[in-house]
C-alpha atoms as a PDB file:
ATOM      1  CA  MET A   1       5.373 -62.272-158.499  1.00  0.00           C
ATOM      2  CA  THR A   2       3.477 -66.350-158.961  1.00  0.00           C
ATOM      3  CA  ALA A   3       3.729 -65.795-162.475  1.00  0.00           C
ATOM      4  CA  ASP A   4       7.285 -65.024-162.338  1.00  0.00           C
ATOM      5  CA  PHE A   5       7.391 -68.273-160.446  1.00  0.00           C
ATOM      6  CA  GLU A   6       5.786 -69.811-162.874  1.00  0.00           C
ATOM      7  CA  ALA A   7       7.602 -68.944-165.690  1.00  0.00           C
ATOM      8  CA  GLN A   8      10.792 -69.781-164.274  1.00  0.00           C
ATOM      9  CA  LEU A   9       9.804 -72.881-163.680  1.00  0.00           C
ATOM     10  CA  ARG A  10       8.843 -73.629-167.445  1.00  0.00           C
ATOM     11  CA  ALA A  11      12.223 -72.207-168.357  1.00  0.00           C
ATOM     12  CA  VAL A  12      13.664 -74.866-167.073  1.00  0.00           C
ATOM     13  CA  SER A  13      11.018 -77.703-168.218  1.00  0.00           C
ATOM     14  CA  LEU A  14       9.351 -78.333-164.814  1.00  0.00           C
ATOM     15  CA  ARG A  15       5.728 -78.611-163.952  1.00  0.00           C
ATOM     16  CA  VAL A  16       4.056 -76.012-162.226  1.00  0.00           C
ATOM     17  CA  THR A  17       2.776 -77.524-158.650  1.00  0.00           C
ATOM     18  CA  ARG A  18       1.625 -75.652-155.454  1.00  0.00           C
ATOM     19  CA  PRO A  19       4.410 -77.294-153.513  1.00  0.00           C
ATOM     20  CA  ARG A  20       6.978 -75.721-156.231  1.00  0.00           C
ATOM     21  CA  LEU A  21       5.684 -72.156-155.799  1.00  0.00           C
ATOM     22  CA  ALA A  22       5.512 -72.265-152.116  1.00  0.00           C
ATOM     23  CA  VAL A  23       9.092 -73.111-152.261  1.00  0.00           C
ATOM     24  CA  LEU A  24       9.927 -70.561-154.154  1.00  0.00           C
ATOM     25  CA  ALA A  25       8.149 -67.831-152.478  1.00  0.00           C
ATOM     26  CA  ALA A  26       9.405 -69.217-149.272  1.00  0.00           C
ATOM     27  CA  LEU A  27      12.814 -68.943-150.154  1.00  0.00           C
ATOM     28  CA  ARG A  28      12.050 -65.561-152.013  1.00  0.00           C
ATOM     29  CA  ASP A  29      10.730 -64.178-148.400  1.00  0.00           C
ATOM     30  CA  HIS A  30      13.251 -65.981-146.341  1.00  0.00           C
ATOM     31  CA  PRO A  31      16.927 -66.570-147.560  1.00  0.00           C
ATOM     32  CA  HIS A  32      19.302 -69.071-146.407  1.00  0.00           C
ATOM     33  CA  VAL A  33      16.898 -70.963-144.093  1.00  0.00           C
ATOM     34  CA  ASP A  34      17.294 -74.498-143.817  1.00  0.00           C
ATOM     35  CA  THR A  35      14.870 -77.987-145.190  1.00  0.00           C
ATOM     36  CA  ASP A  36      13.164 -77.382-141.755  1.00  0.00           C
ATOM     37  CA  THR A  37      12.262 -73.521-141.778  1.00  0.00           C
ATOM     38  CA  VAL A  38      11.396 -74.244-145.630  1.00  0.00           C
ATOM     39  CA  ILE A  39       8.995 -77.368-144.168  1.00  0.00           C
ATOM     40  CA  ARG A  40       7.253 -75.108-141.370  1.00  0.00           C
ATOM     41  CA  LEU A  41       7.139 -72.404-144.200  1.00  0.00           C
ATOM     42  CA  VAL A  42       5.473 -73.904-147.138  1.00  0.00           C
ATOM     43  CA  ARG A  43       2.927 -75.862-144.493  1.00  0.00           C
ATOM     44  CA  ALA A  44       1.289 -72.340-142.810  1.00  0.00           C
ATOM     45  CA  ASP A  45      -0.202 -72.095-146.328  1.00  0.00           C
ATOM     46  CA  HIS A  46      -0.060 -75.738-147.346  1.00  0.00           C
ATOM     47  CA  PRO A  47      -0.611 -77.921-144.200  1.00  0.00           C
ATOM     48  CA  THR A  48      -1.266 -81.069-146.955  1.00  0.00           C
ATOM     49  CA  VAL A  49       2.324 -81.076-148.712  1.00  0.00           C
ATOM     50  CA  SER A  50       4.346 -83.619-147.088  1.00  0.00           C
ATOM     51  CA  HIS A  51       7.700 -83.275-145.967  1.00  0.00           C
ATOM     52  CA  GLN A  52       9.040 -85.967-148.957  1.00  0.00           C
ATOM     53  CA  ALA A  53       7.255 -83.995-151.229  1.00  0.00           C
ATOM     54  CA  ILE A  54       9.287 -80.499-150.082  1.00  0.00           C
ATOM     55  CA  TYR A  55      12.544 -82.435-150.164  1.00  0.00           C
ATOM     56  CA  ASP A  56      11.501 -83.000-153.523  1.00  0.00           C
ATOM     57  CA  VAL A  57      10.908 -79.468-154.709  1.00  0.00           C
ATOM     58  CA  LEU A  58      14.504 -78.702-153.255  1.00  0.00           C
ATOM     59  CA  ARG A  59      16.465 -81.441-155.147  1.00  0.00           C
ATOM     60  CA  ALA A  60      14.391 -80.481-158.196  1.00  0.00           C
ATOM     61  CA  LEU A  61      14.760 -76.855-157.593  1.00  0.00           C
ATOM     62  CA  THR A  62      19.032 -77.085-156.807  1.00  0.00           C
ATOM     63  CA  ASP A  63      19.198 -79.244-159.739  1.00  0.00           C
ATOM     64  CA  ALA A  64      17.560 -77.235-162.529  1.00  0.00           C
ATOM     65  CA  GLY A  65      19.031 -74.232-161.080  1.00  0.00           C
ATOM     66  CA  LEU A  66      16.255 -72.031-159.745  1.00  0.00           C
ATOM     67  CA  VAL A  67      17.567 -72.692-156.438  1.00  0.00           C
ATOM     68  CA  ARG A  68      21.211 -72.790-154.581  1.00  0.00           C
ATOM     69  CA  ARG A  69      21.871 -74.969-151.743  1.00  0.00           C
ATOM     70  CA  ILE A  70      24.607 -73.539-149.528  1.00  0.00           C
ATOM     71  CA  GLN A  71      26.571 -75.059-146.330  1.00  0.00           C
ATOM     72  CA  PRO A  72      28.768 -73.512-144.892  1.00  0.00           C
ATOM     73  CA  THR A  73      31.400 -75.322-142.935  1.00  0.00           C
ATOM     74  CA  GLY A  74      30.105 -76.964-139.649  1.00  0.00           C
ATOM     75  CA  ALA A  75      26.551 -75.934-140.183  1.00  0.00           C
ATOM     76  CA  ILE A  76      23.247 -77.378-141.860  1.00  0.00           C
ATOM     77  CA  ALA A  77      22.573 -77.006-145.508  1.00  0.00           C
ATOM     78  CA  ARG A  78      20.758 -73.752-146.584  1.00  0.00           C
ATOM     79  CA  TYR A  79      18.429 -72.520-149.701  1.00  0.00           C
ATOM     80  CA  GLU A  80      18.148 -69.700-151.409  1.00  0.00           C
ATOM     81  CA  SER A  81      16.673 -68.583-154.663  1.00  0.00           C
ATOM     82  CA  ARG A  82      19.644 -65.791-155.169  1.00  0.00           C
ATOM     83  CA  VAL A  83      21.325 -67.825-157.987  1.00  0.00           C
ATOM     84  CA  GLY A  84      23.438 -67.098-161.231  1.00  0.00           C
ATOM     85  CA  ASP A  85      25.597 -64.103-160.062  1.00  0.00           C
ATOM     86  CA  ASN A  86      27.935 -65.804-158.120  1.00  0.00           C
ATOM     87  CA  HIS A  87      27.253 -63.907-155.165  1.00  0.00           C
ATOM     88  CA  HIS A  88      29.169 -65.038-151.590  1.00  0.00           C
ATOM     89  CA  HIS A  89      28.220 -64.916-147.996  1.00  0.00           C
ATOM     90  CA  VAL A  90      28.956 -63.497-144.683  1.00  0.00           C
ATOM     91  CA  VAL A  91      28.418 -65.924-141.518  1.00  0.00           C
ATOM     92  CA  CYS A  92      28.419 -64.758-138.000  1.00  0.00           C
ATOM     93  CA  ARG A  93      30.441 -67.343-135.583  1.00  0.00           C
ATOM     94  CA  SER A  94      27.706 -67.175-133.090  1.00  0.00           C
ATOM     95  CA  CYS A  95      24.466 -66.917-133.632  1.00  0.00           C
ATOM     96  CA  GLY A  96      24.872 -68.607-137.562  1.00  0.00           C
ATOM     97  CA  VAL A  97      22.863 -66.123-139.569  1.00  0.00           C
ATOM     98  CA  ILE A  98      24.213 -65.419-143.228  1.00  0.00           C
ATOM     99  CA  ALA A  99      24.145 -62.781-145.562  1.00  0.00           C
ATOM    100  CA  ASP A 100      24.544 -62.300-149.181  1.00  0.00           C
ATOM    101  CA  VAL A 101      28.196 -60.568-150.492  1.00  0.00           C
ATOM    102  CA  ASP A 102      28.538 -59.761-154.061  1.00  0.00           C
ATOM    103  CA  CYS A 103      31.860 -59.939-155.576  1.00  0.00           C
ATOM    104  CA  ALA A 104      34.449 -57.139-154.355  1.00  0.00           C
ATOM    105  CA  VAL A 105      35.523 -56.050-157.563  1.00  0.00           C
ATOM    106  CA  GLY A 106      34.317 -56.093-161.068  1.00  0.00           C
ATOM    107  CA  TYR A 107      31.889 -58.874-162.232  1.00  0.00           C
ATOM    108  CA  ALA A 108      32.673 -62.335-160.541  1.00  0.00           C
ATOM    109  CA  PRO A 109      36.288 -61.140-160.473  1.00  0.00           C
ATOM    110  CA  CYS A 110      36.531 -64.402-158.092  1.00  0.00           C
ATOM    111  CA  LEU A 111      35.646 -66.504-161.024  1.00  0.00           C
ATOM    112  CA  THR A 112      39.072 -65.681-162.420  1.00  0.00           C
ATOM    113  CA  ALA A 113      41.850 -68.165-160.613  1.00  0.00           C
ATOM    114  CA  SER A 114      45.481 -67.630-160.119  1.00  0.00           C
ATOM    115  CA  ASP A 115      45.965 -70.893-161.749  1.00  0.00           C
ATOM    116  CA  ASP A 116      42.705 -73.046-162.558  1.00  0.00           C
ATOM    117  CA  HIS A 117      44.927 -76.443-163.751  1.00  0.00           C
ATOM    118  CA  GLY A 118      43.325 -76.593-166.993  1.00  0.00           C
ATOM    119  CA  PHE A 119      39.419 -76.891-165.121  1.00  0.00           C
ATOM    120  CA  VAL A 120      36.417 -74.622-166.723  1.00  0.00           C
ATOM    121  CA  VAL A 121      35.582 -72.474-163.684  1.00  0.00           C
ATOM    122  CA  ASP A 122      32.054 -71.456-163.713  1.00  0.00           C
ATOM    123  CA  GLU A 123      31.442 -70.803-159.768  1.00  0.00           C
ATOM    124  CA  ALA A 124      33.500 -69.966-156.671  1.00  0.00           C
ATOM    125  CA  GLU A 125      32.711 -70.150-153.117  1.00  0.00           C
ATOM    126  CA  VAL A 126      33.959 -67.576-150.374  1.00  0.00           C
ATOM    127  CA  VAL A 127      32.479 -67.434-146.975  1.00  0.00           C
ATOM    128  CA  TYR A 128      33.286 -64.773-144.797  1.00  0.00           C
ATOM    129  CA  TRP A 129      33.340 -65.290-141.015  1.00  0.00           C
ATOM    130  CA  GLY A 130      32.737 -62.868-138.361  1.00  0.00           C
ATOM    131  CA  THR A 131      30.886 -62.031-135.759  1.00  0.00           C
ATOM    132  CA  CYS A 132      27.157 -60.151-136.950  1.00  0.00           C
ATOM    133  CA  PRO A 133      26.271 -56.603-134.839  1.00  0.00           C
ATOM    134  CA  ASP A 134      23.998 -57.978-133.112  1.00  0.00           C
ATOM    135  CA  CYS A 135      26.381 -60.776-131.268  1.00  0.00           C
ATOM    136  CA  ALA A 136      29.151 -58.066-131.197  1.00  0.00           C
ATOM    137  CA  THR A 137      26.542 -55.560-129.377  1.00  0.00           C
ATOM    138  CA  ALA A 138      25.474 -58.468-126.978  1.00  0.00           C
ATOM    139  CA  ARG A 139      28.735 -59.175-126.194  1.00  0.00           C
ATOM    140  CA  THR A 140      29.678 -56.050-125.640  1.00  0.00           C
ATOM    141  CA  THR A 141      27.163 -55.305-123.447  1.00  0.00           C
ATOM    142  CA  SER A 142      27.291 -58.122-121.666  1.00  0.00           C
ATOM    143  CA  GLU A 143      31.283 -57.996-120.471  1.00  0.00           C
ATOM    144  CA  PRO A 144      32.084 -56.403-117.520  1.00  0.00           C
ATOM    145  CA  PRO A 145      33.997 -52.986-117.894  1.00  0.00           C
ATOM    146  CA  GLY A 146      37.578 -53.489-118.623  1.00  0.00           C
ATOM    147  CA  ARG A 147      37.829 -56.592-119.216  1.00  0.00           C
ATOM    148  CA  LYS A 148      37.756 -58.170-123.036  1.00  0.00           C
ATOM    149  CA  GLU A 149      37.518 -61.972-124.404  1.00  0.00           C
ATOM    150  CA  ALA A 150      40.165 -63.697-125.684  1.00  0.00           C
ATOM    151  CA  HIS A 151      40.955 -64.612-129.117  1.00  0.00           C
END
């Protein structure tokens, strides 16, 4: 996998460095994590890498298109290495967990806006909100019998 990361970095004219490789590996293994989590994951194997270096790597990888920064309304920014396919996300209102969601029909149909107002559309962000299975189960098991939570 390191060779893949090296090729990806070289393809976008970025130098191959240990911090860049470590951030790409962290995001591959832990999608949708925030900056603090990336720092913790990278520093577990590379304790001398500074916080600022990781911030700089995230910015460079995002600018180069190797990493995507997502920030659902009301949530902190998260990062993922799944790029280039215009997928979407589902977010749990209770715990904040995020999962990928492919476009519903065909190849990125959401890129065809009903009225693009002359824009050349290259990305669409769709965020589905709901309750994840774990939170739904916890809610169901914690409610007294015969009582449902009002929405």
